[in-house]
């Protein structure tokens, strides 16, 4: 006996394209939001990486939709990478899982730096950037 399942894909109705950048100031602020995470992570050993994008989001959330969207994405990604690093650190507390923990920490740090730079370059061109993996905490 063969079972068949029908899957129907429906278009997402609440999805809208990210807003485009208007002025040079909005591109600069979005670029700052993307770079603030990796820079703060380097200065504070990773613990303050979420502060920069959050500050930019708080300053621009009602002023500029491009900056609001980009800084929210940067914040969400930095929180995700911070959590990956914290889980990696917790895994390092056990002797057998130290290699996995170290890999998670390294991946979190490198992803934060690499994708932060890629996003900043896109923002400087006025193009929205979507991070590959992130929790959706801010919109």
Foldseek 3Di string as FASTA:
>chain_A
DDDDDDDDDDDDDPDDDQDFDDDQVLLVLLLQLLVQLLVVCVVPVLPCSLVRLVVSLVVCVPPGRNSVVSSQQSNQLSVVLSVQLVVLVVLCVDPVSVVVSVVSNVCSSVLSVVVSNVQSVCSSVRHHDHRPDGDRDGD
